[in-house]
Amino acid sequence: MQYLMAIDAGTGSVRAVIFDTLGNQISVSQQEWNHLEEDNVPNSMNFDFKLNWEITKSCIKDSIKQANINSDDILALSATSMREGIILYDKDGNELWGVANVDARASEEVKFLQKNYPTIEEEFYKESGQTFALGALPRLLWLKNNRIDIYNKVANISMIGDWILAKLSGVIATDPSNAGTTGIFSLEKRDWEASMAKKIGLHENIFPKCHEVGTVIGNVSHNASNETNLSINTKVVMGGGDVQLGSAGLGVVELAQVAILGGSFWQQIVNIPSNTKVPKDMSIRVNPHVIPNQSQAEGITFFSGLIMRWFRDAFCDLEKIQAKEKNIDVYELLEEKAKKIPIGSNGIIPIFSDSMNYGKWYHASPSFLNLSIDPTVCNKASMFRSLEENACIISAINLEKIKSFTNIEFNEIVFAGGASKGTLWPQILADVTGYTIKIPKITEATALGAAMAAGVGAKIYPNLISASKELVKWDKTYVPNKEHTKLYNEIKNQWEKVYKEQLKLVDNKLTKSMWKAPGL
């Protein structure tokens, strides 16, 4: 038997997953990791590449051990990661500096750019589909302004999934789907646009080769083999962004197909032609897909999965004990309790992520509103359900924004990621959106997409579209209850009005934003 490995570096964890060449998951090893704020650097989110490489190596070794296979039988591997996170290297390929995806330290740099280049963000957005909210240019400018000794040594840049492949092969490279999220990129050319960096006085010679997903960039090096127990015969294959590869892992490879990936963040994506004009109000981001000639319109819901983890760890110690006694996951137990709560969660209004507003993106202060002091009405089950409903409501709003500028119609959504594992959340999503929800058999689509990339590199599949159509199988379908959809439309409208009022509290400096884009 022959195998493929996928390494998935998410916001909250990293995992190594081994598949056979038929797409069956053989083993998985996962560990959580954290990205900490740098001392005296507000809103920073460092990526600890030294510690995180140790965690990644541990997952790789453990996945091989669990699978009980000979590592020589792993034909190829690839990696995927949270987008926007970047790693910088010196001329010898040693890491110098890294930040995770929503690092927002560069507020002064964004203000500088907007003041001195009044039209630059809009100009760059038209070409790249990205604003400064999560882009790399302000961060690089921050580094130049605040860590000149590091900046002067920078010889290369890559994304975090690319960093894993570089650690394994010694080759620094990237792909369109991941590099495109830096904003230093052309949607049409599917390659770096170094002139953007040059225009604002940054290095223009630090951008590595950009390969399409599935390209072999090397083999596992002898050093990496010793560190991970991988074979030097295993091919290292160009991967991509987690959302785009996750789309392939969901079978979302044709135009007008739609998916929601429910992980640490939730992404709502719609496949569109690569020549589609970006929205004039810059409300939605547009990224290169892993499929040539396609882009993806994308809405993002901040921290949905991480908020669930916070809620679990902050309030659910008893449920953890109960779940352990029943030998079930604590989220499964919480969903069972939440099923008994009526639609609308007894009026509880969660205030966490806003809907997508990419050009001016910030969130209200985290809170639950409209609580009751009646414990039969307001309790952990009703608060938990309110969080599930809220993630679906924001997804519905983001999809409406995408439909408005693409004019693309659809009637079903593919749903995957950790959020799709339960039975309550997918039904809520169907009821809120009014669309049929399809769940694939392998819900961890991002890892499967990375395995497909590895399989293309190993010549198991001719391309990602063929791999997707061959490997994706369907498990469940959830049909919306139209009466519930009407109720949720009313709740959605109420939530939008309440959230605007909560943003005013942030504007008036009475509360603190959960997250704010640099420069706001």
Protein backbone atom coordinates (compact mmCIF):
# COMPACT_ATOMS: atom_id res chain seq x y z
CA MET A 1 0.00 0.00 0.00
CA GLN A 2 1.17 3.54 -0.76
CA TYR A 3 0.33 6.70 1.12
CA LEU A 4 0.20 10.49 1.03
CA MET A 5 0.80 12.90 3.90
CA ALA A 6 -0.87 16.25 4.51
CA ILE A 7 0.39 18.75 7.07
CA ASP A 8 -2.23 21.31 8.02
CA ALA A 9 -1.05 24.37 9.96
CA GLY A 10 -4.17 26.11 11.22
CA THR A 11 -4.65 29.09 13.47
CA GLY A 12 -5.21 27.01 16.60
CA SER A 13 -3.36 23.78 15.86
CA VAL A 14 -1.19 21.79 13.48
CA ARG A 15 -1.83 18.23 12.36
CA ALA A 16 -0.20 15.61 10.22
CA VAL A 17 -2.65 13.35 8.41
CA ILE A 18 -1.83 10.22 6.42
CA PHE A 19 -4.16 9.05 3.64
CA ASP A 20 -3.98 6.10 1.31
CA THR A 21 -4.16 6.86 -2.40
CA LEU A 22 -7.92 6.20 -2.39
CA GLY A 23 -8.47 9.11 0.00
CA ASN A 24 -9.05 7.04 3.13
CA GLN A 25 -7.68 8.63 6.28
CA ILE A 26 -5.21 6.27 7.94
CA SER A 27 -3.97 8.32 10.89
CA VAL A 28 -3.90 11.82 12.28
CA SER A 29 -1.79 13.50 14.94
CA GLN A 30 -2.79 16.96 16.10
CA GLN A 31 -1.48 19.42 18.68
CA GLU A 32 -2.76 22.84 19.65
CA TRP A 33 -0.46 25.83 19.46
CA ASN A 34 -0.72 29.47 20.43
CA HIS A 35 0.42 32.73 18.89
CA LEU A 36 1.36 35.29 21.52
CA GLU A 37 1.47 39.06 21.54
CA GLU A 38 4.97 40.47 21.47
CA ASP A 39 6.01 42.48 24.53
CA ASN A 40 5.19 46.17 24.09
CA VAL A 41 3.77 45.61 20.59
CA PRO A 42 -0.03 45.99 20.81
CA ASN A 43 -2.17 43.79 18.55
CA SER A 44 0.81 41.69 17.47
CA MET A 45 0.51 37.93 16.90
CA ASN A 46 3.92 36.32 16.69
CA PHE A 47 4.54 32.97 15.05
CA ASP A 48 7.05 31.03 17.16
CA PHE A 49 8.76 29.09 14.38
CA LYS A 50 11.23 27.37 16.76
CA LEU A 51 8.62 25.94 19.10
CA ASN A 52 6.11 25.33 16.33
CA TRP A 53 8.62 23.32 14.30
CA GLU A 54 9.11 21.05 17.31
CA ILE A 55 5.32 20.63 17.53
CA THR A 56 5.10 19.94 13.79
CA LYS A 57 7.88 17.34 13.90
CA SER A 58 6.13 15.62 16.79
CA CYS A 59 2.89 15.38 14.81
CA ILE A 60 4.67 14.00 11.75
CA LYS A 61 6.45 11.30 13.75
CA ASP A 62 3.33 10.39 15.70
CA SER A 63 1.17 10.11 12.57
CA ILE A 64 3.66 7.64 11.07
CA LYS A 65 3.76 5.67 14.31
CA GLN A 66 -0.04 5.56 14.55
CA ALA A 67 -0.38 4.41 10.96
CA ASN A 68 2.12 1.62 11.63
CA ILE A 69 3.59 1.94 8.15
CA ASN A 70 7.02 2.12 6.58
CA SER A 71 7.76 5.77 5.85
CA ASP A 72 9.25 4.72 2.49
CA ASP A 73 5.67 4.00 1.44
CA ILE A 74 4.70 7.68 1.79
CA LEU A 75 5.03 8.70 -1.85
CA ALA A 76 4.62 12.43 -1.34
CA LEU A 77 3.59 15.06 1.13
CA SER A 78 2.25 18.57 0.94
CA ALA A 79 1.26 21.30 3.38
CA THR A 80 -1.49 23.82 3.81
CA SER A 81 -1.81 26.63 6.30
CA MET A 82 -3.72 29.57 7.61
CA ARG A 83 -3.27 32.24 5.02
CA GLU A 84 -1.83 35.72 5.65
CA GLY A 85 0.75 34.44 8.16
CA ILE A 86 4.28 35.07 6.86
CA ILE A 87 7.83 33.92 7.57
CA LEU A 88 10.92 35.92 6.61
CA TYR A 89 14.33 34.35 5.97
CA ASP A 90 17.95 35.45 5.65
CA LYS A 91 20.16 34.64 2.65
CA ASP A 92 20.99 31.21 4.09
CA GLY A 93 17.34 30.24 4.49
CA ASN A 94 17.27 30.71 8.27
CA GLU A 95 14.09 32.13 9.77
CA LEU A 96 14.31 35.72 10.95
CA TRP A 97 10.76 36.71 11.86
CA GLY A 98 7.24 35.37 11.63
CA VAL A 99 3.66 36.46 12.31
CA ALA A 100 0.40 34.54 12.33
CA ASN A 101 -2.62 35.44 10.24
CA VAL A 102 -4.40 38.24 12.10
CA ASP A 103 -1.34 40.09 13.37
CA ALA A 104 -2.49 43.72 13.43
CA ARG A 105 0.55 45.58 14.76
CA ALA A 106 1.00 47.84 11.73
CA SER A 107 -1.66 50.48 12.45
CA GLU A 108 0.71 53.43 12.10
CA GLU A 109 2.07 52.04 8.85
CA VAL A 110 -1.42 51.71 7.38
CA LYS A 111 -2.20 55.29 8.40
CA PHE A 112 1.06 56.41 6.80
CA LEU A 113 0.25 54.63 3.55
CA GLN A 114 -3.29 55.97 3.43
CA LYS A 115 -2.10 59.52 4.11
CA ASN A 116 0.86 59.57 1.73
CA TYR A 117 -0.66 57.34 -0.97
CA PRO A 118 -4.38 58.19 -0.77
CA THR A 119 -5.50 55.84 -3.55
CA ILE A 120 -2.98 53.05 -3.07
CA GLU A 121 -5.13 50.60 -1.12
CA GLU A 122 -7.92 50.79 -3.67
CA GLU A 123 -5.41 50.44 -6.55
CA PHE A 124 -3.77 47.40 -5.00
CA TYR A 125 -7.17 45.88 -4.12
CA LYS A 126 -8.28 46.04 -7.76
CA GLU A 127 -5.25 43.99 -8.77
CA SER A 128 -4.86 41.67 -5.80
CA GLY A 129 -8.34 41.40 -4.26
CA GLN A 130 -6.79 42.25 -0.88
CA THR A 131 -6.86 45.28 1.40
CA PHE A 132 -4.31 46.23 4.06
CA ALA A 133 -6.43 44.54 6.77
CA LEU A 134 -4.54 41.24 6.61
CA GLY A 135 -1.91 42.13 4.02
CA ALA A 136 1.84 41.79 4.30
CA LEU A 137 2.90 45.24 3.06
CA PRO A 138 2.09 47.15 6.27
CA ARG A 139 3.76 44.45 8.37
CA LEU A 140 6.92 44.61 6.28
CA LEU A 141 6.89 48.39 6.60
CA TRP A 142 6.50 48.00 10.38
CA LEU A 143 9.54 45.72 10.42
CA LYS A 144 11.55 48.28 8.46
CA ASN A 145 10.51 51.03 10.86
CA ASN A 146 10.92 49.10 14.11
CA ARG A 147 13.36 46.21 13.55
CA ILE A 148 15.73 47.53 10.92
CA ASP A 149 18.45 45.04 11.91
CA ILE A 150 16.09 42.17 11.00
CA TYR A 151 14.68 43.91 7.93
CA ASN A 152 18.13 44.47 6.45
CA LYS A 153 18.81 40.72 6.57
CA VAL A 154 15.57 39.71 4.80
CA ALA A 155 16.28 37.78 1.61
CA ASN A 156 13.09 35.72 1.24
CA ILE A 157 9.45 35.57 2.26
CA SER A 158 6.97 32.72 2.37
CA MET A 159 3.69 31.67 3.91
CA ILE A 160 3.50 29.32 6.89
CA GLY A 161 2.58 26.20 4.88
CA ASP A 162 5.48 27.02 2.57
CA TRP A 163 7.72 27.27 5.63
CA ILE A 164 6.87 23.68 6.58
CA LEU A 165 7.77 22.51 3.08
CA ALA A 166 10.99 24.52 3.24
CA LYS A 167 11.91 22.89 6.55
CA LEU A 168 11.35 19.49 4.96
CA SER A 169 12.97 20.08 1.57
CA GLY A 170 15.29 23.06 1.92
CA VAL A 171 13.41 24.84 -0.90
CA ILE A 172 11.59 28.12 -0.27
CA ALA A 173 8.69 28.55 -2.69
CA THR A 174 5.00 29.42 -2.68
CA ASP A 175 1.77 29.09 -4.68
CA PRO A 176 -0.90 31.58 -5.87
CA SER A 177 -3.64 30.62 -3.40
CA ASN A 178 -1.51 31.29 -0.32
CA ALA A 179 0.79 34.06 -1.56
CA GLY A 180 -2.20 35.88 -3.02
CA THR A 181 -3.37 36.69 0.50
CA THR A 182 -0.32 38.90 1.10
CA GLY A 183 -1.79 41.49 -1.26
CA ILE A 184 1.55 41.75 -3.09
CA PHE A 185 0.07 39.76 -5.92
CA SER A 186 -1.80 39.82 -9.22
CA LEU A 187 -5.04 37.84 -9.51
CA GLU A 188 -4.76 37.88 -13.28
CA LYS A 189 -1.08 36.86 -13.54
CA ARG A 190 -1.25 34.46 -10.56
CA ASP A 191 2.19 35.64 -9.50
CA TRP A 192 3.91 38.13 -7.20
CA GLU A 193 3.61 41.81 -8.06
CA ALA A 194 6.91 43.08 -6.64
CA SER A 195 6.26 46.59 -7.97
CA MET A 196 3.80 47.08 -5.10
CA ALA A 197 6.61 46.66 -2.60
CA LYS A 198 8.91 48.90 -4.61
CA LYS A 199 6.27 51.63 -4.78
CA ILE A 200 6.31 52.08 -1.00
CA GLY A 201 10.05 51.68 -0.54
CA LEU A 202 10.31 48.01 0.42
CA HIS A 203 12.56 45.21 -0.83
CA GLU A 204 11.39 44.02 -4.26
CA ASN A 205 13.78 41.06 -4.57
CA ILE A 206 12.55 38.86 -1.70
CA PHE A 207 9.79 36.99 -3.50
CA PRO A 208 10.39 33.27 -4.18
CA LYS A 209 9.29 31.19 -7.13
CA CYS A 210 5.51 30.84 -7.34
CA HIS A 211 4.45 27.34 -8.42
CA GLU A 212 0.97 26.02 -9.11
CA VAL A 213 -0.35 23.60 -6.49
CA GLY A 214 0.81 20.03 -7.13
CA THR A 215 4.28 20.96 -8.38
CA VAL A 216 7.13 18.87 -6.96
CA ILE A 217 9.69 21.22 -5.38
CA GLY A 218 12.08 18.58 -4.01
CA ASN A 219 12.42 15.57 -1.75
CA VAL A 220 12.63 15.28 2.02
CA SER A 221 16.17 16.28 2.94
CA HIS A 222 18.53 14.06 4.93
CA ASN A 223 18.36 16.47 7.86
CA ALA A 224 14.56 16.58 7.84
CA SER A 225 14.45 12.80 7.52
CA ASN A 226 16.49 12.46 10.69
CA GLU A 227 14.20 14.90 12.51
CA THR A 228 10.85 13.49 11.39
CA ASN A 229 11.35 9.83 10.44
CA LEU A 230 10.19 10.63 6.91
CA SER A 231 11.97 8.99 3.99
CA ILE A 232 14.33 10.92 1.71
CA ASN A 233 12.44 9.28 -1.16
CA THR A 234 9.23 11.12 -0.27
CA LYS A 235 8.43 13.95 -2.70
CA VAL A 236 7.73 17.41 -1.27
CA VAL A 237 4.91 18.99 -3.26
CA MET A 238 3.68 22.57 -3.43
CA GLY A 239 0.59 23.04 -1.30
CA GLY A 240 -1.68 26.03 -0.87
CA GLY A 241 -3.97 28.10 1.31
CA ASP A 242 -6.18 26.23 3.74
CA VAL A 243 -9.46 27.55 2.39
CA GLN A 244 -8.65 26.96 -1.27
CA LEU A 245 -7.20 23.48 -0.76
CA GLY A 246 -10.08 22.80 1.59
CA SER A 247 -12.38 23.65 -1.29
CA ALA A 248 -10.75 21.00 -3.46
CA GLY A 249 -11.12 18.59 -0.56
CA LEU A 250 -14.84 19.36 -0.60
CA GLY A 251 -15.30 18.88 -4.32
CA VAL A 252 -15.74 22.63 -4.81
CA VAL A 253 -13.75 22.91 -8.03
CA GLU A 254 -16.33 24.16 -10.53
CA LEU A 255 -17.59 27.70 -11.07
CA ALA A 256 -20.55 28.81 -8.88
CA GLN A 257 -19.96 26.10 -6.30
CA VAL A 258 -20.13 27.25 -2.68
CA ALA A 259 -18.57 26.03 0.55
CA ILE A 260 -18.31 27.01 4.17
CA LEU A 261 -15.28 25.85 6.10
CA GLY A 262 -16.04 25.81 9.81
CA GLY A 263 -12.72 25.89 11.63
CA SER A 264 -10.98 28.39 13.92
CA PHE A 265 -12.31 31.02 11.53
CA TRP A 266 -15.28 30.38 9.25
CA GLN A 267 -14.83 31.07 5.56
CA GLN A 268 -17.68 31.37 3.09
CA ILE A 269 -16.40 30.90 -0.45
CA VAL A 270 -17.88 31.05 -3.94
CA ASN A 271 -15.94 30.01 -7.05
CA ILE A 272 -15.93 32.77 -9.65
CA PRO A 273 -14.17 33.40 -13.00
CA SER A 274 -10.73 34.92 -12.51
CA ASN A 275 -11.70 37.97 -14.57
CA THR A 276 -14.59 38.93 -12.25
CA LYS A 277 -14.34 42.56 -11.14
CA VAL A 278 -13.85 42.98 -7.40
CA PRO A 279 -16.61 44.87 -5.52
CA LYS A 280 -16.26 48.65 -5.54
CA ASP A 281 -16.88 48.95 -1.80
CA MET A 282 -14.04 46.53 -0.98
CA SER A 283 -16.38 44.62 1.35
CA ILE A 284 -15.31 41.11 0.24
CA ARG A 285 -11.87 39.72 -0.44
CA VAL A 286 -11.05 37.84 -3.64
CA ASN A 287 -8.30 35.20 -3.72
CA PRO A 288 -6.70 33.00 -6.38
CA HIS A 289 -8.17 29.49 -6.24
CA VAL A 290 -5.96 26.39 -6.44
CA ILE A 291 -7.70 25.73 -9.76
CA PRO A 292 -6.20 27.72 -12.69
CA ASN A 293 -8.44 30.44 -14.17
CA GLN A 294 -10.60 30.56 -11.08
CA SER A 295 -10.74 32.93 -8.15
CA GLN A 296 -12.80 32.75 -5.00
CA ALA A 297 -14.94 35.44 -3.45
CA GLU A 298 -14.57 35.00 0.29
CA GLY A 299 -16.34 36.12 3.39
CA ILE A 300 -14.73 35.53 6.76
CA THR A 301 -16.21 35.14 10.22
CA PHE A 302 -13.61 35.81 12.89
CA PHE A 303 -12.73 33.33 15.62
CA SER A 304 -15.91 31.16 15.42
CA GLY A 305 -14.09 27.95 16.36
CA LEU A 306 -11.77 29.69 18.81
CA ILE A 307 -14.78 31.26 20.55
CA MET A 308 -16.26 27.80 20.98
CA ARG A 309 -12.98 26.62 22.48
CA TRP A 310 -12.98 29.61 24.83
CA PHE A 311 -16.58 28.90 25.87
CA ARG A 312 -15.76 25.24 26.47
CA ASP A 313 -12.70 25.98 28.55
CA ALA A 314 -14.14 28.94 30.47
CA PHE A 315 -17.56 27.57 31.42
CA CYS A 316 -17.87 23.85 30.73
CA ASP A 317 -15.74 22.00 33.26
CA LEU A 318 -18.77 19.94 34.36
CA GLU A 319 -19.59 19.03 30.76
CA LYS A 320 -16.01 17.94 30.22
CA ILE A 321 -16.34 15.50 33.12
CA GLN A 322 -19.73 14.27 31.89
CA ALA A 323 -18.43 13.81 28.35
CA LYS A 324 -15.43 11.86 29.61
CA GLU A 325 -17.71 9.57 31.61
CA LYS A 326 -19.82 8.94 28.50
CA ASN A 327 -16.72 8.63 26.29
CA ILE A 328 -17.95 11.30 23.90
CA ASP A 329 -16.63 14.67 22.77
CA VAL A 330 -17.68 17.58 24.98
CA TYR A 331 -19.08 19.45 21.97
CA GLU A 332 -21.35 16.49 21.22
CA LEU A 333 -22.70 16.71 24.76
CA LEU A 334 -23.21 20.46 24.49
CA GLU A 335 -25.07 20.06 21.20
CA GLU A 336 -27.40 17.48 22.74
CA LYS A 337 -28.30 19.99 25.44
CA ALA A 338 -28.59 22.85 22.93
CA LYS A 339 -31.10 20.87 20.80
CA LYS A 340 -33.62 21.38 23.61
CA ILE A 341 -33.31 25.17 23.34
CA PRO A 342 -35.77 26.92 20.99
CA ILE A 343 -34.78 28.83 17.85
CA GLY A 344 -33.29 32.16 18.83
CA SER A 345 -31.68 30.79 22.00
CA ASN A 346 -34.23 32.46 24.25
CA GLY A 347 -33.32 35.87 22.90
CA ILE A 348 -29.59 35.79 23.64
CA ILE A 349 -27.61 37.97 21.22
CA PRO A 350 -23.91 37.08 20.87
CA ILE A 351 -21.59 39.92 19.92
CA PHE A 352 -18.30 38.60 18.58
CA SER A 353 -17.39 38.71 14.87
CA ASP A 354 -18.99 41.24 12.55
CA SER A 355 -19.93 40.32 9.00
CA MET A 356 -17.29 40.98 6.35
CA ASN A 357 -16.29 44.61 5.80
CA TYR A 358 -12.88 44.14 4.26
CA GLY A 359 -12.20 47.79 3.50
CA LYS A 360 -12.85 48.98 7.07
CA TRP A 361 -12.76 45.90 9.23
CA TYR A 362 -13.17 45.88 12.98
CA HIS A 363 -15.35 44.13 15.52
CA ALA A 364 -17.33 45.08 18.58
CA SER A 365 -16.34 44.10 22.09
CA PRO A 366 -17.06 40.41 22.81
CA SER A 367 -20.25 39.99 24.80
CA PHE A 368 -23.59 38.26 25.23
CA LEU A 369 -26.56 40.64 25.23
CA ASN A 370 -30.19 40.27 26.27
CA LEU A 371 -29.40 37.77 28.99
CA SER A 372 -31.99 36.65 31.51
CA ILE A 373 -31.39 35.93 35.19
CA ASP A 374 -33.77 32.98 34.92
CA PRO A 375 -31.42 29.95 34.84
CA THR A 376 -34.00 27.87 32.98
CA VAL A 377 -33.87 30.39 30.12
CA CYS A 378 -30.28 31.61 30.22
CA ASN A 379 -27.79 28.83 30.80
CA LYS A 380 -24.82 27.15 29.16
CA ALA A 381 -26.98 25.28 26.66
CA SER A 382 -28.78 28.40 25.44
CA MET A 383 -25.55 30.41 25.27
CA PHE A 384 -23.85 27.60 23.37
CA ARG A 385 -26.72 27.40 20.88
CA SER A 386 -26.63 31.17 20.43
CA LEU A 387 -22.98 30.93 19.35
CA GLU A 388 -23.82 28.25 16.77
CA GLU A 389 -26.71 30.31 15.44
CA ASN A 390 -24.60 33.45 15.28
CA ALA A 391 -21.85 31.85 13.18
CA CYS A 392 -24.51 30.75 10.69
CA ILE A 393 -26.17 34.16 10.62
CA ILE A 394 -22.90 35.90 9.77
CA SER A 395 -22.20 33.29 7.09
CA ALA A 396 -25.59 34.03 5.52
CA ILE A 397 -24.89 37.78 5.50
CA ASN A 398 -21.48 37.27 3.88
CA LEU A 399 -22.96 35.04 1.18
CA GLU A 400 -25.57 37.70 0.41
CA LYS A 401 -22.77 40.23 -0.09
CA ILE A 402 -20.98 37.89 -2.50
CA LYS A 403 -24.13 37.25 -4.53
CA SER A 404 -24.70 40.99 -4.88
CA PHE A 405 -21.50 41.66 -6.83
CA THR A 406 -21.00 38.34 -8.64
CA ASN A 407 -24.64 37.79 -9.68
CA ILE A 408 -24.02 34.08 -9.12
CA GLU A 409 -26.98 32.00 -7.97
CA PHE A 410 -26.74 28.77 -5.99
CA ASN A 411 -28.99 26.54 -3.91
CA GLU A 412 -26.62 24.32 -1.95
CA ILE A 413 -23.59 24.71 0.28
CA VAL A 414 -20.89 22.20 1.07
CA PHE A 415 -20.06 22.37 4.79
CA ALA A 416 -16.91 20.96 6.36
CA GLY A 417 -14.37 21.41 9.12
CA GLY A 418 -14.79 20.74 12.81
CA ALA A 419 -18.13 22.56 12.97
CA SER A 420 -19.73 20.10 10.54
CA LYS A 421 -19.07 17.08 12.75
CA GLY A 422 -22.15 17.56 14.89
CA THR A 423 -25.78 17.23 13.92
CA LEU A 424 -27.18 20.50 15.28
CA TRP A 425 -24.86 23.04 13.67
CA PRO A 426 -25.37 21.82 10.06
CA GLN A 427 -29.15 21.92 10.49
CA ILE A 428 -28.98 25.42 11.92
CA LEU A 429 -26.86 26.44 8.91
CA ALA A 430 -29.47 25.01 6.53
CA ASP A 431 -32.30 26.76 8.35
CA VAL A 432 -30.51 30.13 8.59
CA THR A 433 -29.35 30.27 4.95
CA GLY A 434 -32.32 28.51 3.38
CA TYR A 435 -29.95 26.33 1.33
CA THR A 436 -29.40 22.59 1.30
CA ILE A 437 -26.26 21.63 3.22
CA LYS A 438 -24.08 18.75 2.05
CA ILE A 439 -21.53 17.14 4.37
CA PRO A 440 -18.66 15.13 2.88
CA LYS A 441 -17.61 11.85 4.47
CA ILE A 442 -14.20 13.30 5.28
CA THR A 443 -15.05 16.55 7.04
CA GLU A 444 -11.41 17.59 7.47
CA ALA A 445 -11.35 18.73 3.89
CA THR A 446 -8.28 20.93 4.18
CA ALA A 447 -6.02 17.99 4.93
CA LEU A 448 -7.62 15.95 2.14
CA GLY A 449 -7.01 18.83 -0.27
CA ALA A 450 -3.34 18.90 0.71
CA ALA A 451 -3.18 15.12 0.22
CA MET A 452 -4.67 15.62 -3.26
CA ALA A 453 -1.89 18.11 -4.02
CA ALA A 454 0.65 15.53 -2.88
CA GLY A 455 -1.06 12.95 -5.07
CA VAL A 456 -0.84 15.22 -8.12
CA GLY A 457 2.88 15.61 -7.45
CA ALA A 458 3.25 11.84 -7.15
CA LYS A 459 1.31 11.39 -10.43
CA ILE A 460 -1.47 9.47 -8.71
CA TYR A 461 -3.95 12.00 -10.11
CA PRO A 462 -3.58 14.09 -13.28
CA ASN A 463 -4.79 17.30 -11.59
CA LEU A 464 -6.74 18.61 -8.61
CA ILE A 465 -10.10 18.59 -10.38
CA SER A 466 -9.74 14.89 -11.23
CA ALA A 467 -8.54 14.10 -7.71
CA SER A 468 -11.46 15.97 -6.18
CA LYS A 469 -14.07 14.26 -8.31
CA GLU A 470 -12.53 10.87 -7.58
CA LEU A 471 -12.04 11.18 -3.83
CA VAL A 472 -14.85 13.31 -2.43
CA LYS A 473 -17.74 11.23 -1.14
CA TRP A 474 -20.90 12.51 0.52
CA ASP A 475 -22.17 11.57 3.94
CA LYS A 476 -25.21 13.63 4.95
CA THR A 477 -27.62 16.18 3.56
CA TYR A 478 -29.58 18.73 5.60
CA VAL A 479 -32.67 20.34 4.09
CA PRO A 480 -33.80 23.74 5.39
CA ASN A 481 -37.04 24.19 7.27
CA LYS A 482 -38.52 27.22 5.52
CA GLU A 483 -40.53 28.27 8.58
CA HIS A 484 -37.32 28.29 10.60
CA THR A 485 -35.64 30.33 7.85
CA LYS A 486 -38.30 33.04 8.24
CA LEU A 487 -37.66 33.20 11.98
CA TYR A 488 -33.91 33.37 11.46
CA ASN A 489 -34.31 36.20 8.95
CA GLU A 490 -35.96 38.24 11.69
CA ILE A 491 -33.21 37.33 14.17
CA LYS A 492 -30.57 38.22 11.55
CA ASN A 493 -32.09 41.65 11.00
CA GLN A 494 -32.23 42.27 14.74
CA TRP A 495 -28.61 41.16 15.17
CA GLU A 496 -27.38 43.53 12.44
CA LYS A 497 -29.09 46.49 14.13
CA VAL A 498 -27.76 45.58 17.57
CA TYR A 499 -24.23 45.00 16.27
CA LYS A 500 -24.13 48.49 14.72
CA GLU A 501 -24.93 49.93 18.13
CA GLN A 502 -22.17 47.86 19.72
CA LEU A 503 -19.68 49.21 17.16
CA LYS A 504 -20.61 52.73 18.25
CA LEU A 505 -19.41 51.87 21.77
CA VAL A 506 -16.04 50.96 20.27
CA ASP A 507 -16.04 54.14 18.18
CA ASN A 508 -16.66 56.16 21.35
CA LYS A 509 -13.88 54.27 23.16
CA LEU A 510 -16.31 52.91 25.75
CA THR A 511 -15.51 49.28 24.90
CA LYS A 512 -12.54 47.51 23.30
CA SER A 513 -12.77 45.93 19.86
CA MET A 514 -12.28 42.15 19.69
CA TRP A 515 -10.04 42.76 16.66
CA LYS A 516 -9.33 45.81 14.58
CA ALA A 517 -7.55 46.04 11.24
CA PRO A 518 -4.34 48.07 11.23
CA GLY A 519 -4.91 51.76 10.68
CA LEU A 520 -8.43 51.94 12.14
